[in-house]
């Protein structure tokens, strides 16, 4: 009865195949991570807008809320981590400004593709 061992060639082929499969999985994960960041950016922008509009509804002037928006988020008591809430999926602070008419708040992200998007 002969024992057959793995040859060096067979072992190298297996390693190459595992590396190839790992590369495909990693490439596909990258797209999923970007989709997750985009989702966090959109949902976080809506949350920031709602919290700031709530501060306006509580009697604060809209100009004060826009100028000191991070402080209003931190003091809202409705978020666990105010620092993370103020950042989009890529870790950049949201941009908060008054609308052109001055009667609404515009929350947008500085990340590519979200510069002019209003999350309200």
C-alpha atoms as a PDB file:
ATOM      1  CA  UNK A   1       0.000   0.000   0.000  1.00  0.00           C
ATOM      2  CA  UNK A   2       1.543   3.298  -1.157  1.00  0.00           C
ATOM      3  CA  UNK A   3       1.153   6.543   0.789  1.00  0.00           C
ATOM      4  CA  UNK A   4       0.690   9.536  -1.409  1.00  0.00           C
ATOM      5  CA  UNK A   5       1.918  12.868  -0.056  1.00  0.00           C
ATOM      6  CA  UNK A   6       1.167  16.371  -1.305  1.00  0.00           C
ATOM      7  CA  UNK A   7       3.800  17.586  -3.702  1.00  0.00           C
ATOM      8  CA  UNK A   8       5.194  21.084  -3.595  1.00  0.00           C
ATOM      9  CA  UNK A   9       3.342  21.975  -6.817  1.00  0.00           C
ATOM     10  CA  UNK A  10      -0.014  20.888  -5.387  1.00  0.00           C
ATOM     11  CA  UNK A  11       0.634  22.882  -2.225  1.00  0.00           C
ATOM     12  CA  UNK A  12       1.532  25.990  -4.233  1.00  0.00           C
ATOM     13  CA  UNK A  13      -1.649  25.661  -6.313  1.00  0.00           C
ATOM     14  CA  UNK A  14      -3.764  25.474  -3.151  1.00  0.00           C
ATOM     15  CA  UNK A  15      -2.060  28.565  -1.695  1.00  0.00           C
ATOM     16  CA  UNK A  16      -2.588  30.523  -4.929  1.00  0.00           C
ATOM     17  CA  UNK A  17      -6.275  29.539  -5.013  1.00  0.00           C
ATOM     18  CA  UNK A  18      -6.766  30.599  -1.388  1.00  0.00           C
ATOM     19  CA  UNK A  19      -5.080  33.928  -2.136  1.00  0.00           C
ATOM     20  CA  UNK A  20      -7.258  34.453  -5.193  1.00  0.00           C
ATOM     21  CA  UNK A  21     -10.458  33.750  -3.283  1.00  0.00           C
ATOM     22  CA  UNK A  22      -9.298  36.040  -0.461  1.00  0.00           C
ATOM     23  CA  UNK A  23      -8.645  38.838  -2.952  1.00  0.00           C
ATOM     24  CA  UNK A  24     -12.120  38.525  -4.458  1.00  0.00           C
ATOM     25  CA  UNK A  25     -13.745  38.576  -1.022  1.00  0.00           C
ATOM     26  CA  UNK A  26     -11.706  41.631   0.040  1.00  0.00           C
ATOM     27  CA  UNK A  27     -12.613  43.478  -3.166  1.00  0.00           C
ATOM     28  CA  UNK A  28     -16.319  42.805  -2.630  1.00  0.00           C
ATOM     29  CA  UNK A  29     -16.101  43.877   1.027  1.00  0.00           C
ATOM     30  CA  UNK A  30     -14.730  47.253  -0.029  1.00  0.00           C
ATOM     31  CA  UNK A  31     -17.922  48.010  -1.914  1.00  0.00           C
ATOM     32  CA  UNK A  32     -20.004  46.959   1.071  1.00  0.00           C
ATOM     33  CA  UNK A  33     -18.033  49.246   3.370  1.00  0.00           C
ATOM     34  CA  UNK A  34     -18.592  52.204   1.045  1.00  0.00           C
ATOM     35  CA  UNK A  35     -22.325  51.463   0.948  1.00  0.00           C
ATOM     36  CA  UNK A  36     -22.353  51.336   4.751  1.00  0.00           C
ATOM     37  CA  UNK A  37     -20.571  54.677   4.996  1.00  0.00           C
ATOM     38  CA  UNK A  38     -22.993  56.212   2.512  1.00  0.00           C
ATOM     39  CA  UNK A  39     -25.957  54.900   4.527  1.00  0.00           C
ATOM     40  CA  UNK A  40     -24.478  56.270   7.770  1.00  0.00           C
ATOM     41  CA  UNK A  41     -23.895  59.633   6.100  1.00  0.00           C
ATOM     42  CA  UNK A  42     -27.480  59.926   4.899  1.00  0.00           C
ATOM     43  CA  UNK A  43     -29.069  58.722   8.140  1.00  0.00           C
ATOM     44  CA  UNK A  44     -26.717  60.788  10.295  1.00  0.00           C
ATOM     45  CA  UNK A  45     -27.422  63.909   8.247  1.00  0.00           C
ATOM     46  CA  UNK A  46     -31.147  63.452   8.761  1.00  0.00           C
ATOM     47  CA  UNK A  47     -30.590  62.954  12.495  1.00  0.00           C
ATOM     48  CA  UNK A  48     -28.459  66.116  12.764  1.00  0.00           C
ATOM     49  CA  UNK A  49     -31.092  68.105  10.862  1.00  0.00           C
ATOM     50  CA  UNK A  50     -33.907  66.835  13.104  1.00  0.00           C
ATOM     51  CA  UNK A  51     -31.969  67.567  16.302  1.00  0.00           C
ATOM     52  CA  UNK A  52     -31.166  71.093  15.148  1.00  0.00           C
ATOM     53  CA  UNK A  53     -34.753  71.773  14.105  1.00  0.00           C
ATOM     54  CA  UNK A  54     -35.856  70.500  17.526  1.00  0.00           C
ATOM     55  CA  UNK A  55     -33.527  73.066  19.117  1.00  0.00           C
ATOM     56  CA  UNK A  56     -35.155  75.773  16.982  1.00  0.00           C
ATOM     57  CA  UNK A  57     -38.608  74.532  18.016  1.00  0.00           C
ATOM     58  CA  UNK A  58     -37.547  74.849  21.659  1.00  0.00           C
ATOM     59  CA  UNK A  59     -37.191  78.606  21.152  1.00  0.00           C
ATOM     60  CA  UNK A  60     -33.578  79.070  20.068  1.00  0.00           C
ATOM     61  CA  UNK A  61     -32.940  81.354  17.117  1.00  0.00           C
ATOM     62  CA  UNK A  62     -32.126  79.526  13.911  1.00  0.00           C
ATOM     63  CA  UNK A  63     -28.982  81.648  13.448  1.00  0.00           C
ATOM     64  CA  UNK A  64     -27.663  80.657  16.902  1.00  0.00           C
ATOM     65  CA  UNK A  65     -28.427  76.991  16.273  1.00  0.00           C
ATOM     66  CA  UNK A  66     -26.550  77.049  12.958  1.00  0.00           C
ATOM     67  CA  UNK A  67     -23.552  78.945  14.336  1.00  0.00           C
ATOM     68  CA  UNK A  68     -23.169  76.658  17.371  1.00  0.00           C
ATOM     69  CA  UNK A  69     -24.683  73.460  15.980  1.00  0.00           C
ATOM     70  CA  UNK A  70     -22.182  71.011  17.498  1.00  0.00           C
ATOM     71  CA  UNK A  71     -22.931  72.332  20.982  1.00  0.00           C
ATOM     72  CA  UNK A  72     -26.671  71.935  20.428  1.00  0.00           C
ATOM     73  CA  UNK A  73     -26.135  68.316  19.351  1.00  0.00           C
ATOM     74  CA  UNK A  74     -23.973  67.657  22.432  1.00  0.00           C
ATOM     75  CA  UNK A  75     -26.554  69.218  24.761  1.00  0.00           C
ATOM     76  CA  UNK A  76     -29.592  67.583  23.182  1.00  0.00           C
ATOM     77  CA  UNK A  77     -29.471  64.508  25.413  1.00  0.00           C
ATOM     78  CA  UNK A  78     -30.824  62.413  22.547  1.00  0.00           C
ATOM     79  CA  UNK A  79     -27.536  60.974  21.316  1.00  0.00           C
ATOM     80  CA  UNK A  80     -25.042  58.712  23.058  1.00  0.00           C
ATOM     81  CA  UNK A  81     -21.954  59.999  21.288  1.00  0.00           C
ATOM     82  CA  UNK A  82     -22.308  63.580  20.062  1.00  0.00           C
ATOM     83  CA  UNK A  83     -18.845  63.571  18.461  1.00  0.00           C
ATOM     84  CA  UNK A  84     -19.774  60.622  16.216  1.00  0.00           C
ATOM     85  CA  UNK A  85     -23.206  62.078  15.449  1.00  0.00           C
ATOM     86  CA  UNK A  86     -21.584  65.248  14.102  1.00  0.00           C
ATOM     87  CA  UNK A  87     -19.479  63.240  11.627  1.00  0.00           C
ATOM     88  CA  UNK A  88     -20.411  61.519   8.398  1.00  0.00           C
ATOM     89  CA  UNK A  89     -19.526  57.946   7.424  1.00  0.00           C
ATOM     90  CA  UNK A  90     -16.015  58.978   6.410  1.00  0.00           C
ATOM     91  CA  UNK A  91     -15.286  60.809   9.675  1.00  0.00           C
ATOM     92  CA  UNK A  92     -15.700  64.354   8.338  1.00  0.00           C
ATOM     93  CA  UNK A  93     -17.839  66.955  10.112  1.00  0.00           C
ATOM     94  CA  UNK A  94     -21.142  67.734   8.471  1.00  0.00           C
ATOM     95  CA  UNK A  95     -21.532  71.190   6.969  1.00  0.00           C
ATOM     96  CA  UNK A  96     -24.408  73.101   8.529  1.00  0.00           C
ATOM     97  CA  UNK A  97     -25.648  76.411   7.110  1.00  0.00           C
ATOM     98  CA  UNK A  98     -28.793  78.454   6.697  1.00  0.00           C
ATOM     99  CA  UNK A  99     -30.818  77.977   3.540  1.00  0.00           C
ATOM    100  CA  UNK A 100     -30.814  80.752   0.935  1.00  0.00           C
ATOM    101  CA  UNK A 101     -34.111  82.085   2.285  1.00  0.00           C
ATOM    102  CA  UNK A 102     -32.786  81.921   5.849  1.00  0.00           C
ATOM    103  CA  UNK A 103     -35.762  79.963   7.163  1.00  0.00           C
ATOM    104  CA  UNK A 104     -34.354  76.434   7.103  1.00  0.00           C
ATOM    105  CA  UNK A 105     -31.186  74.547   8.002  1.00  0.00           C
ATOM    106  CA  UNK A 106     -29.124  72.783   5.348  1.00  0.00           C
ATOM    107  CA  UNK A 107     -27.015  69.833   6.502  1.00  0.00           C
ATOM    108  CA  UNK A 108     -24.584  68.345   3.984  1.00  0.00           C
ATOM    109  CA  UNK A 109     -21.401  66.317   3.912  1.00  0.00           C
ATOM    110  CA  UNK A 110     -18.054  67.399   2.524  1.00  0.00           C
ATOM    111  CA  UNK A 111     -17.486  63.933   1.067  1.00  0.00           C
ATOM    112  CA  UNK A 112     -17.546  63.503  -2.706  1.00  0.00           C
ATOM    113  CA  UNK A 113     -21.102  63.183  -3.966  1.00  0.00           C
ATOM    114  CA  UNK A 114     -22.712  64.691  -0.860  1.00  0.00           C
ATOM    115  CA  UNK A 115     -21.456  68.288  -1.085  1.00  0.00           C
ATOM    116  CA  UNK A 116     -24.760  69.806  -2.191  1.00  0.00           C
ATOM    117  CA  UNK A 117     -27.120  67.241  -0.739  1.00  0.00           C
ATOM    118  CA  UNK A 118     -29.569  68.484   1.860  1.00  0.00           C
ATOM    119  CA  UNK A 119     -30.490  65.802   4.387  1.00  0.00           C
ATOM    120  CA  UNK A 120     -33.716  67.488   5.521  1.00  0.00           C
END
